[in-house]
């Protein structure tokens, strides 16, 4: 069953309708492609030490003692920001 619309559009009106339809279809795809991935942010040793307010030797000691989890990526050491935030909460809880 076909529906026939017997309305006359000017070329500008037809162009506007087509552009609006394309934008409604394409915009969600573009927004999905542009949004950042939901992977947690990785911090360097220096960023992590600065975030925690400690020196690099202290950060190394905490890593060796298991207070904070480090991740080796190739030859580099990185810390997930979520792990660092969790460590801060545990350290603050231990102080109380």
PDB file of N, CA and C in Angstrom:
ATOM      1  N   UNK A   1       0.835  -1.153   0.000  1.00  0.00           N
ATOM      2  CA  UNK A   1       0.000   0.000   0.000  1.00  0.00           C
ATOM      3  C   UNK A   1       0.898   1.241   0.000  1.00  0.00           C
ATOM      4  N   UNK A   2       0.717   2.118  -0.937  1.00  0.00           N
ATOM      5  CA  UNK A   2       1.493   3.339  -1.049  1.00  0.00           C
ATOM      6  C   UNK A   2       0.654   4.522  -0.621  1.00  0.00           C
ATOM      7  N   UNK A   3       1.295   5.440   0.054  1.00  0.00           N
ATOM      8  CA  UNK A   3       0.635   6.684   0.431  1.00  0.00           C
ATOM      9  C   UNK A   3       1.163   7.775  -0.478  1.00  0.00           C
ATOM     10  N   UNK A   4       0.293   8.494  -1.074  1.00  0.00           N
ATOM     11  CA  UNK A   4       0.674   9.565  -1.969  1.00  0.00           C
ATOM     12  C   UNK A   4       0.309  10.880  -1.308  1.00  0.00           C
ATOM     13  N   UNK A   5       1.298  11.763  -1.243  1.00  0.00           N
ATOM     14  CA  UNK A   5       1.068  13.084  -0.669  1.00  0.00           C
ATOM     15  C   UNK A   5       0.987  14.060  -1.828  1.00  0.00           C
ATOM     16  N   UNK A   6      -0.072  14.774  -1.881  1.00  0.00           N
ATOM     17  CA  UNK A   6      -0.257  15.687  -3.003  1.00  0.00           C
ATOM     18  C   UNK A   6      -0.040  17.137  -2.566  1.00  0.00           C
ATOM     19  N   UNK A   7       1.090  17.379  -1.879  1.00  0.00           N
ATOM     20  CA  UNK A   7       1.426  18.718  -1.442  1.00  0.00           C
ATOM     21  C   UNK A   7       2.564  19.223  -2.307  1.00  0.00           C
ATOM     22  N   UNK A   8       2.521  20.446  -2.646  1.00  0.00           N
ATOM     23  CA  UNK A   8       3.565  21.040  -3.462  1.00  0.00           C
ATOM     24  C   UNK A   8       4.534  21.779  -2.551  1.00  0.00           C
ATOM     25  N   UNK A   9       5.825  21.472  -2.727  1.00  0.00           N
ATOM     26  CA  UNK A   9       6.879  22.121  -1.960  1.00  0.00           C
ATOM     27  C   UNK A   9       7.726  22.961  -2.901  1.00  0.00           C
ATOM     28  N   UNK A  10       8.224  24.049  -2.369  1.00  0.00           N
ATOM     29  CA  UNK A  10       9.204  24.814  -3.140  1.00  0.00           C
ATOM     30  C   UNK A  10      10.530  24.059  -3.033  1.00  0.00           C
ATOM     31  N   UNK A  11      11.456  24.298  -3.935  1.00  0.00           N
ATOM     32  CA  UNK A  11      12.754  23.622  -3.826  1.00  0.00           C
ATOM     33  C   UNK A  11      13.434  23.853  -2.481  1.00  0.00           C
ATOM     34  N   UNK A  12      13.326  25.056  -1.915  1.00  0.00           N
ATOM     35  CA  UNK A  12      13.944  25.341  -0.615  1.00  0.00           C
ATOM     36  C   UNK A  12      13.264  24.565   0.512  1.00  0.00           C
ATOM     37  N   UNK A  13      11.951  24.456   0.465  1.00  0.00           N
ATOM     38  CA  UNK A  13      11.227  23.691   1.484  1.00  0.00           C
ATOM     39  C   UNK A  13      11.593  22.219   1.409  1.00  0.00           C
ATOM     40  N   UNK A  14      11.672  21.675   0.198  1.00  0.00           N
ATOM     41  CA  UNK A  14      12.038  20.267   0.027  1.00  0.00           C
ATOM     42  C   UNK A  14      13.455  20.024   0.517  1.00  0.00           C
ATOM     43  N   UNK A  15      14.356  20.935   0.198  1.00  0.00           N
ATOM     44  CA  UNK A  15      15.741  20.812   0.665  1.00  0.00           C
ATOM     45  C   UNK A  15      15.787  20.827   2.191  1.00  0.00           C
ATOM     46  N   UNK A  16      15.039  21.727   2.807  1.00  0.00           N
ATOM     47  CA  UNK A  16      14.999  21.802   4.268  1.00  0.00           C
ATOM     48  C   UNK A  16      14.454  20.536   4.893  1.00  0.00           C
ATOM     49  N   UNK A  17      13.409  19.963   4.313  1.00  0.00           N
ATOM     50  CA  UNK A  17      12.843  18.711   4.840  1.00  0.00           C
ATOM     51  C   UNK A  17      13.838  17.566   4.729  1.00  0.00           C
ATOM     52  N   UNK A  18      14.522  17.495   3.598  1.00  0.00           N
ATOM     53  CA  UNK A  18      15.504  16.420   3.400  1.00  0.00           C
ATOM     54  C   UNK A  18      16.666  16.587   4.377  1.00  0.00           C
ATOM     55  N   UNK A  19      17.159  17.817   4.527  1.00  0.00           N
ATOM     56  CA  UNK A  19      18.266  18.059   5.451  1.00  0.00           C
ATOM     57  C   UNK A  19      17.891  17.715   6.892  1.00  0.00           C
ATOM     58  N   UNK A  20      16.682  18.051   7.295  1.00  0.00           N
ATOM     59  CA  UNK A  20      16.226  17.738   8.652  1.00  0.00           C
ATOM     60  C   UNK A  20      16.144  16.231   8.864  1.00  0.00           C
ATOM     61  N   UNK A  21      15.640  15.509   7.870  1.00  0.00           N
ATOM     62  CA  UNK A  21      15.529  14.051   7.982  1.00  0.00           C
ATOM     63  C   UNK A  21      16.910  13.411   8.052  1.00  0.00           C
ATOM     64  N   UNK A  22      17.837  13.897   7.244  1.00  0.00           N
ATOM     65  CA  UNK A  22      19.200  13.346   7.253  1.00  0.00           C
ATOM     66  C   UNK A  22      19.871  13.647   8.591  1.00  0.00           C
ATOM     67  N   UNK A  23      19.694  14.863   9.088  1.00  0.00           N
ATOM     68  CA  UNK A  23      20.314  15.224  10.362  1.00  0.00           C
ATOM     69  C   UNK A  23      19.780  14.362  11.506  1.00  0.00           C
ATOM     70  N   UNK A  24      18.464  14.120  11.539  1.00  0.00           N
ATOM     71  CA  UNK A  24      17.880  13.260  12.585  1.00  0.00           C
ATOM     72  C   UNK A  24      18.451  11.856  12.521  1.00  0.00           C
ATOM     73  N   UNK A  25      18.780  11.403  11.325  1.00  0.00           N
ATOM     74  CA  UNK A  25      19.305  10.050  11.166  1.00  0.00           C
ATOM     75  C   UNK A  25      20.797   9.971  11.473  1.00  0.00           C
ATOM     76  N   UNK A  26      21.542  10.962  11.011  1.00  0.00           N
ATOM     77  CA  UNK A  26      23.001  10.903  11.095  1.00  0.00           C
ATOM     78  C   UNK A  26      23.543  11.400  12.433  1.00  0.00           C
ATOM     79  N   UNK A  27      22.907  12.404  13.037  1.00  0.00           N
ATOM     80  CA  UNK A  27      23.431  12.999  14.271  1.00  0.00           C
ATOM     81  C   UNK A  27      23.695  11.968  15.377  1.00  0.00           C
ATOM     82  N   UNK A  28      22.783  11.030  15.678  1.00  0.00           N
ATOM     83  CA  UNK A  28      23.086  10.040  16.725  1.00  0.00           C
ATOM     84  C   UNK A  28      24.321   9.189  16.400  1.00  0.00           C
ATOM     85  N   UNK A  29      24.521   8.887  15.130  1.00  0.00           N
ATOM     86  CA  UNK A  29      25.699   8.107  14.748  1.00  0.00           C
ATOM     87  C   UNK A  29      26.978   8.904  14.966  1.00  0.00           C
ATOM     88  N   UNK A  30      26.950  10.185  14.637  1.00  0.00           N
ATOM     89  CA  UNK A  30      28.126  11.028  14.824  1.00  0.00           C
ATOM     90  C   UNK A  30      28.425  11.201  16.309  1.00  0.00           C
ATOM     91  N   UNK A  31      27.410  11.450  17.100  1.00  0.00           N
ATOM     92  CA  UNK A  31      27.618  11.630  18.533  1.00  0.00           C
ATOM     93  C   UNK A  31      28.163  10.369  19.185  1.00  0.00           C
ATOM     94  N   UNK A  32      27.703   9.206  18.734  1.00  0.00           N
ATOM     95  CA  UNK A  32      28.212   7.947  19.282  1.00  0.00           C
ATOM     96  C   UNK A  32      29.674   7.739  18.913  1.00  0.00           C
ATOM     97  N   UNK A  33      30.052   8.149  17.718  1.00  0.00           N
ATOM     98  CA  UNK A  33      31.432   7.973  17.262  1.00  0.00           C
ATOM     99  C   UNK A  33      32.374   8.958  17.933  1.00  0.00           C
ATOM    100  N   UNK A  34      31.889  10.131  18.295  1.00  0.00           N
ATOM    101  CA  UNK A  34      32.735  11.186  18.849  1.00  0.00           C
ATOM    102  C   UNK A  34      32.932  11.024  20.348  1.00  0.00           C
ATOM    103  N   UNK A  35      32.014  10.411  21.047  1.00  0.00           N
ATOM    104  CA  UNK A  35      32.116  10.285  22.491  1.00  0.00           C
ATOM    105  C   UNK A  35      33.335   9.457  22.861  1.00  0.00           C
ATOM    106  N   UNK A  36      34.028   9.870  23.928  1.00  0.00           N
ATOM    107  CA  UNK A  36      35.220   9.139  24.344  1.00  0.00           C
ATOM    108  C   UNK A  36      34.857   7.749  24.838  1.00  0.00           C
ATOM    109  N   UNK A  37      35.814   6.866  24.755  1.00  0.00           N
ATOM    110  CA  UNK A  37      35.586   5.512  25.239  1.00  0.00           C
ATOM    111  C   UNK A  37      35.425   5.538  26.755  1.00  0.00           C
ATOM    112  N   UNK A  38      34.854   4.511  27.289  1.00  0.00           N
ATOM    113  CA  UNK A  38      34.580   4.453  28.719  1.00  0.00           C
ATOM    114  C   UNK A  38      35.675   3.723  29.471  1.00  0.00           C
ATOM    115  N   UNK A  39      36.851   3.616  28.854  1.00  0.00           N
ATOM    116  CA  UNK A  39      37.943   2.968  29.553  1.00  0.00           C
ATOM    117  C   UNK A  39      38.501   3.927  30.594  1.00  0.00           C
ATOM    118  N   UNK A  40      38.923   3.401  31.730  1.00  0.00           N
ATOM    119  CA  UNK A  40      39.425   4.266  32.789  1.00  0.00           C
ATOM    120  C   UNK A  40      40.719   4.958  32.365  1.00  0.00           C
ATOM    121  N   UNK A  41      40.939   6.132  32.918  1.00  0.00           N
ATOM    122  CA  UNK A  41      42.117   6.919  32.578  1.00  0.00           C
ATOM    123  C   UNK A  41      43.343   6.326  33.263  1.00  0.00           C
ATOM    124  N   UNK A  42      44.444   6.271  32.516  1.00  0.00           N
ATOM    125  CA  UNK A  42      45.710   5.800  33.060  1.00  0.00           C
ATOM    126  C   UNK A  42      46.566   6.997  33.451  1.00  0.00           C
ATOM    127  N   UNK A  43      47.179   6.911  34.620  1.00  0.00           N
ATOM    128  CA  UNK A  43      48.040   7.972  35.124  1.00  0.00           C
ATOM    129  C   UNK A  43      49.486   7.501  35.146  1.00  0.00           C
ATOM    130  N   UNK A  44      50.406   8.420  34.883  1.00  0.00           N
ATOM    131  CA  UNK A  44      51.835   8.099  35.005  1.00  0.00           C
ATOM    132  C   UNK A  44      52.207   8.058  36.478  1.00  0.00           C
ATOM    133  N   UNK A  45      53.434   7.638  36.777  1.00  0.00           N
ATOM    134  CA  UNK A  45      53.894   7.626  38.158  1.00  0.00           C
ATOM    135  C   UNK A  45      53.898   9.040  38.733  1.00  0.00           C
ATOM    136  N   UNK A  46      54.384  10.002  37.926  1.00  0.00           N
ATOM    137  CA  UNK A  46      54.442  11.385  38.386  1.00  0.00           C
ATOM    138  C   UNK A  46      53.037  11.942  38.655  1.00  0.00           C
ATOM    139  N   UNK A  47      52.103  11.685  37.750  1.00  0.00           N
ATOM    140  CA  UNK A  47      50.724  12.159  37.941  1.00  0.00           C
ATOM    141  C   UNK A  47      50.102  11.537  39.177  1.00  0.00           C
ATOM    142  N   UNK A  48      50.380  10.256  39.386  1.00  0.00           N
ATOM    143  CA  UNK A  48      49.816   9.553  40.534  1.00  0.00           C
ATOM    144  C   UNK A  48      50.381  10.096  41.835  1.00  0.00           C
ATOM    145  N   UNK A  49      51.704  10.296  41.878  1.00  0.00           N
ATOM    146  CA  UNK A  49      52.337  10.835  43.083  1.00  0.00           C
ATOM    147  C   UNK A  49      51.799  12.235  43.382  1.00  0.00           C
ATOM    148  N   UNK A  50      51.638  13.059  42.349  1.00  0.00           N
ATOM    149  CA  UNK A  50      51.100  14.410  42.533  1.00  0.00           C
ATOM    150  C   UNK A  50      49.660  14.339  43.040  1.00  0.00           C
ATOM    151  N   UNK A  51      48.867  13.424  42.476  1.00  0.00           N
ATOM    152  CA  UNK A  51      47.470  13.252  42.885  1.00  0.00           C
ATOM    153  C   UNK A  51      47.386  12.855  44.361  1.00  0.00           C
ATOM    154  N   UNK A  52      48.292  11.968  44.774  1.00  0.00           N
ATOM    155  CA  UNK A  52      48.283  11.483  46.153  1.00  0.00           C
ATOM    156  C   UNK A  52      48.997  12.428  47.110  1.00  0.00           C
ATOM    157  N   UNK A  53      49.797  13.343  46.576  1.00  0.00           N
ATOM    158  CA  UNK A  53      50.555  14.262  47.418  1.00  0.00           C
ATOM    159  C   UNK A  53      51.729  13.603  48.100  1.00  0.00           C
ATOM    160  N   UNK A  54      52.346  12.649  47.394  1.00  0.00           N
ATOM    161  CA  UNK A  54      53.502  11.941  47.954  1.00  0.00           C
ATOM    162  C   UNK A  54      54.657  11.991  46.958  1.00  0.00           C
ATOM    163  N   UNK A  55      55.828  11.565  47.416  1.00  0.00           N
ATOM    164  CA  UNK A  55      56.995  11.517  46.541  1.00  0.00           C
ATOM    165  C   UNK A  55      56.989  10.220  45.731  1.00  0.00           C
ATOM    166  N   UNK A  56      57.826  10.175  44.702  1.00  0.00           N
ATOM    167  CA  UNK A  56      57.921   8.947  43.901  1.00  0.00           C
ATOM    168  C   UNK A  56      58.413   7.754  44.726  1.00  0.00           C
ATOM    169  N   UNK A  57      59.417   7.931  45.629  1.00  0.00           N
ATOM    170  CA  UNK A  57      59.805   6.785  46.468  1.00  0.00           C
ATOM    171  C   UNK A  57      58.663   6.273  47.357  1.00  0.00           C
ATOM    172  N   UNK A  58      57.854   7.198  47.882  1.00  0.00           N
ATOM    173  CA  UNK A  58      56.709   6.774  48.700  1.00  0.00           C
ATOM    174  C   UNK A  58      55.702   6.012  47.848  1.00  0.00           C
ATOM    175  N   UNK A  59      55.442   6.515  46.641  1.00  0.00           N
ATOM    176  CA  UNK A  59      54.526   5.811  45.728  1.00  0.00           C
ATOM    177  C   UNK A  59      55.053   4.420  45.425  1.00  0.00           C
ATOM    178  N   UNK A  60      56.348   4.304  45.196  1.00  0.00           N
ATOM    179  CA  UNK A  60      56.950   2.989  44.921  1.00  0.00           C
ATOM    180  C   UNK A  60      56.772   2.067  46.131  1.00  0.00           C
ATOM    181  N   UNK A  61      57.005   2.596  47.325  1.00  0.00           N
ATOM    182  CA  UNK A  61      56.839   1.800  48.544  1.00  0.00           C
ATOM    183  C   UNK A  61      55.398   1.331  48.694  1.00  0.00           C
ATOM    184  N   UNK A  62      54.433   2.238  48.460  1.00  0.00           N
ATOM    185  CA  UNK A  62      53.026   1.867  48.565  1.00  0.00           C
ATOM    186  C   UNK A  62      52.662   0.808  47.539  1.00  0.00           C
ATOM    187  N   UNK A  63      53.255   0.897  46.365  1.00  0.00           N
ATOM    188  CA  UNK A  63      52.989  -0.098  45.319  1.00  0.00           C
ATOM    189  C   UNK A  63      53.546  -1.454  45.741  1.00  0.00           C
ATOM    190  N   UNK A  64      54.756  -1.454  46.285  1.00  0.00           N
ATOM    191  CA  UNK A  64      55.377  -2.717  46.718  1.00  0.00           C
ATOM    192  C   UNK A  64      54.623  -3.329  47.900  1.00  0.00           C
ATOM    193  N   UNK A  65      54.057  -2.493  48.762  1.00  0.00           N
ATOM    194  CA  UNK A  65      53.309  -2.978  49.935  1.00  0.00           C
ATOM    195  C   UNK A  65      51.868  -3.340  49.608  1.00  0.00           C
ATOM    196  N   UNK A  66      51.430  -3.065  48.376  1.00  0.00           N
ATOM    197  CA  UNK A  66      50.077  -3.422  47.977  1.00  0.00           C
ATOM    198  C   UNK A  66      49.011  -2.400  48.336  1.00  0.00           C
ATOM    199  N   UNK A  67      49.426  -1.206  48.778  1.00  0.00           N
ATOM    200  CA  UNK A  67      48.438  -0.178  49.096  1.00  0.00           C
ATOM    201  C   UNK A  67      47.790   0.370  47.834  1.00  0.00           C
ATOM    202  N   UNK A  68      48.510   0.293  46.723  1.00  0.00           N
ATOM    203  CA  UNK A  68      48.004   0.768  45.443  1.00  0.00           C
ATOM    204  C   UNK A  68      48.486  -0.192  44.356  1.00  0.00           C
ATOM    205  N   UNK A  69      47.656  -0.397  43.353  1.00  0.00           N
ATOM    206  CA  UNK A  69      47.974  -1.361  42.297  1.00  0.00           C
ATOM    207  C   UNK A  69      48.545  -0.644  41.083  1.00  0.00           C
ATOM    208  N   UNK A  70      49.707  -1.118  40.651  1.00  0.00           N
ATOM    209  CA  UNK A  70      50.336  -0.583  39.444  1.00  0.00           C
ATOM    210  C   UNK A  70      50.095  -1.553  38.297  1.00  0.00           C
ATOM    211  N   UNK A  71      50.120  -1.031  37.093  1.00  0.00           N
ATOM    212  CA  UNK A  71      49.934  -1.845  35.890  1.00  0.00           C
ATOM    213  C   UNK A  71      51.100  -1.595  34.955  1.00  0.00           C
ATOM    214  N   UNK A  72      51.731  -2.651  34.526  1.00  0.00           N
ATOM    215  CA  UNK A  72      52.852  -2.510  33.611  1.00  0.00           C
ATOM    216  C   UNK A  72      52.329  -2.630  32.192  1.00  0.00           C
ATOM    217  N   UNK A  73      52.613  -1.613  31.404  1.00  0.00           N
ATOM    218  CA  UNK A  73      52.237  -1.603  29.992  1.00  0.00           C
ATOM    219  C   UNK A  73      53.531  -1.487  29.213  1.00  0.00           C
ATOM    220  N   UNK A  74      53.984  -2.611  28.698  1.00  0.00           N
ATOM    221  CA  UNK A  74      55.307  -2.641  28.081  1.00  0.00           C
ATOM    222  C   UNK A  74      56.333  -2.422  29.169  1.00  0.00           C
ATOM    223  N   UNK A  75      57.164  -1.400  29.005  1.00  0.00           N
ATOM    224  CA  UNK A  75      58.178  -1.097  30.011  1.00  0.00           C
ATOM    225  C   UNK A  75      57.738   0.022  30.951  1.00  0.00           C
ATOM    226  N   UNK A  76      56.543   0.494  30.789  1.00  0.00           N
ATOM    227  CA  UNK A  76      56.053   1.640  31.565  1.00  0.00           C
ATOM    228  C   UNK A  76      55.103   1.184  32.678  1.00  0.00           C
ATOM    229  N   UNK A  77      55.104   1.966  33.740  1.00  0.00           N
ATOM    230  CA  UNK A  77      54.213   1.701  34.867  1.00  0.00           C
ATOM    231  C   UNK A  77      53.113   2.756  34.844  1.00  0.00           C
ATOM    232  N   UNK A  78      51.882   2.289  34.904  1.00  0.00           N
ATOM    233  CA  UNK A  78      50.732   3.197  34.902  1.00  0.00           C
ATOM    234  C   UNK A  78      49.775   2.769  36.007  1.00  0.00           C
ATOM    235  N   UNK A  79      48.983   3.735  36.441  1.00  0.00           N
ATOM    236  CA  UNK A  79      48.003   3.505  37.490  1.00  0.00           C
ATOM    237  C   UNK A  79      46.638   3.925  36.965  1.00  0.00           C
ATOM    238  N   UNK A  80      45.632   3.078  37.149  1.00  0.00           N
ATOM    239  CA  UNK A  80      44.275   3.459  36.778  1.00  0.00           C
ATOM    240  C   UNK A  80      43.780   4.489  37.783  1.00  0.00           C
ATOM    241  N   UNK A  81      43.177   5.555  37.272  1.00  0.00           N
ATOM    242  CA  UNK A  81      42.694   6.618  38.145  1.00  0.00           C
ATOM    243  C   UNK A  81      41.690   6.083  39.153  1.00  0.00           C
ATOM    244  N   UNK A  82      40.858   5.139  38.739  1.00  0.00           N
ATOM    245  CA  UNK A  82      39.875   4.572  39.670  1.00  0.00           C
ATOM    246  C   UNK A  82      40.571   3.829  40.815  1.00  0.00           C
ATOM    247  N   UNK A  83      41.691   3.144  40.512  1.00  0.00           N
ATOM    248  CA  UNK A  83      42.456   2.450  41.559  1.00  0.00           C
ATOM    249  C   UNK A  83      43.079   3.450  42.524  1.00  0.00           C
ATOM    250  N   UNK A  84      43.584   4.560  41.978  1.00  0.00           N
ATOM    251  CA  UNK A  84      44.207   5.581  42.816  1.00  0.00           C
ATOM    252  C   UNK A  84      43.156   6.204  43.743  1.00  0.00           C
ATOM    253  N   UNK A  85      41.996   6.502  43.210  1.00  0.00           N
ATOM    254  CA  UNK A  85      40.938   7.070  44.035  1.00  0.00           C
ATOM    255  C   UNK A  85      40.497   6.099  45.127  1.00  0.00           C
ATOM    256  N   UNK A  86      40.436   4.813  44.793  1.00  0.00           N
ATOM    257  CA  UNK A  86      40.074   3.806  45.790  1.00  0.00           C
ATOM    258  C   UNK A  86      41.154   3.712  46.873  1.00  0.00           C
ATOM    259  N   UNK A  87      42.410   3.815  46.475  1.00  0.00           N
ATOM    260  CA  UNK A  87      43.503   3.779  47.440  1.00  0.00           C
ATOM    261  C   UNK A  87      43.430   4.970  48.388  1.00  0.00           C
ATOM    262  N   UNK A  88      43.089   6.130  47.856  1.00  0.00           N
ATOM    263  CA  UNK A  88      42.956   7.327  48.706  1.00  0.00           C
ATOM    264  C   UNK A  88      41.880   7.095  49.757  1.00  0.00           C
ATOM    265  N   UNK A  89      40.762   6.511  49.349  1.00  0.00           N
ATOM    266  CA  UNK A  89      39.694   6.245  50.314  1.00  0.00           C
ATOM    267  C   UNK A  89      40.137   5.252  51.383  1.00  0.00           C
ATOM    268  N   UNK A  90      40.885   4.231  50.992  1.00  0.00           N
ATOM    269  CA  UNK A  90      41.372   3.248  51.967  1.00  0.00           C
ATOM    270  C   UNK A  90      42.381   3.872  52.914  1.00  0.00           C
ATOM    271  N   UNK A  91      43.252   4.714  52.387  1.00  0.00           N
ATOM    272  CA  UNK A  91      44.263   5.364  53.222  1.00  0.00           C
ATOM    273  C   UNK A  91      43.586   6.307  54.201  1.00  0.00           C
ATOM    274  N   UNK A  92      42.596   7.072  53.729  1.00  0.00           N
ATOM    275  CA  UNK A  92      41.870   7.981  54.632  1.00  0.00           C
ATOM    276  C   UNK A  92      41.094   7.202  55.686  1.00  0.00           C
ATOM    277  N   UNK A  93      40.525   6.068  55.316  1.00  0.00           N
ATOM    278  CA  UNK A  93      39.782   5.241  56.278  1.00  0.00           C
ATOM    279  C   UNK A  93      40.731   4.671  57.331  1.00  0.00           C
ATOM    280  N   UNK A  94      41.942   4.303  56.916  1.00  0.00           N
ATOM    281  CA  UNK A  94      42.918   3.741  57.864  1.00  0.00           C
ATOM    282  C   UNK A  94      43.405   4.793  58.849  1.00  0.00           C
ATOM    283  N   UNK A  95      43.424   6.057  58.448  1.00  0.00           N
ATOM    284  CA  UNK A  95      43.859   7.136  59.334  1.00  0.00           C
ATOM    285  C   UNK A  95      42.865   7.378  60.458  1.00  0.00           C
ATOM    286  N   UNK A  96      41.596   7.058  60.204  1.00  0.00           N
ATOM    287  CA  UNK A  96      40.558   7.322  61.208  1.00  0.00           C
ATOM    288  C   UNK A  96      40.521   6.235  62.185  1.00  0.00           C
TER     289      UNK A  96
END
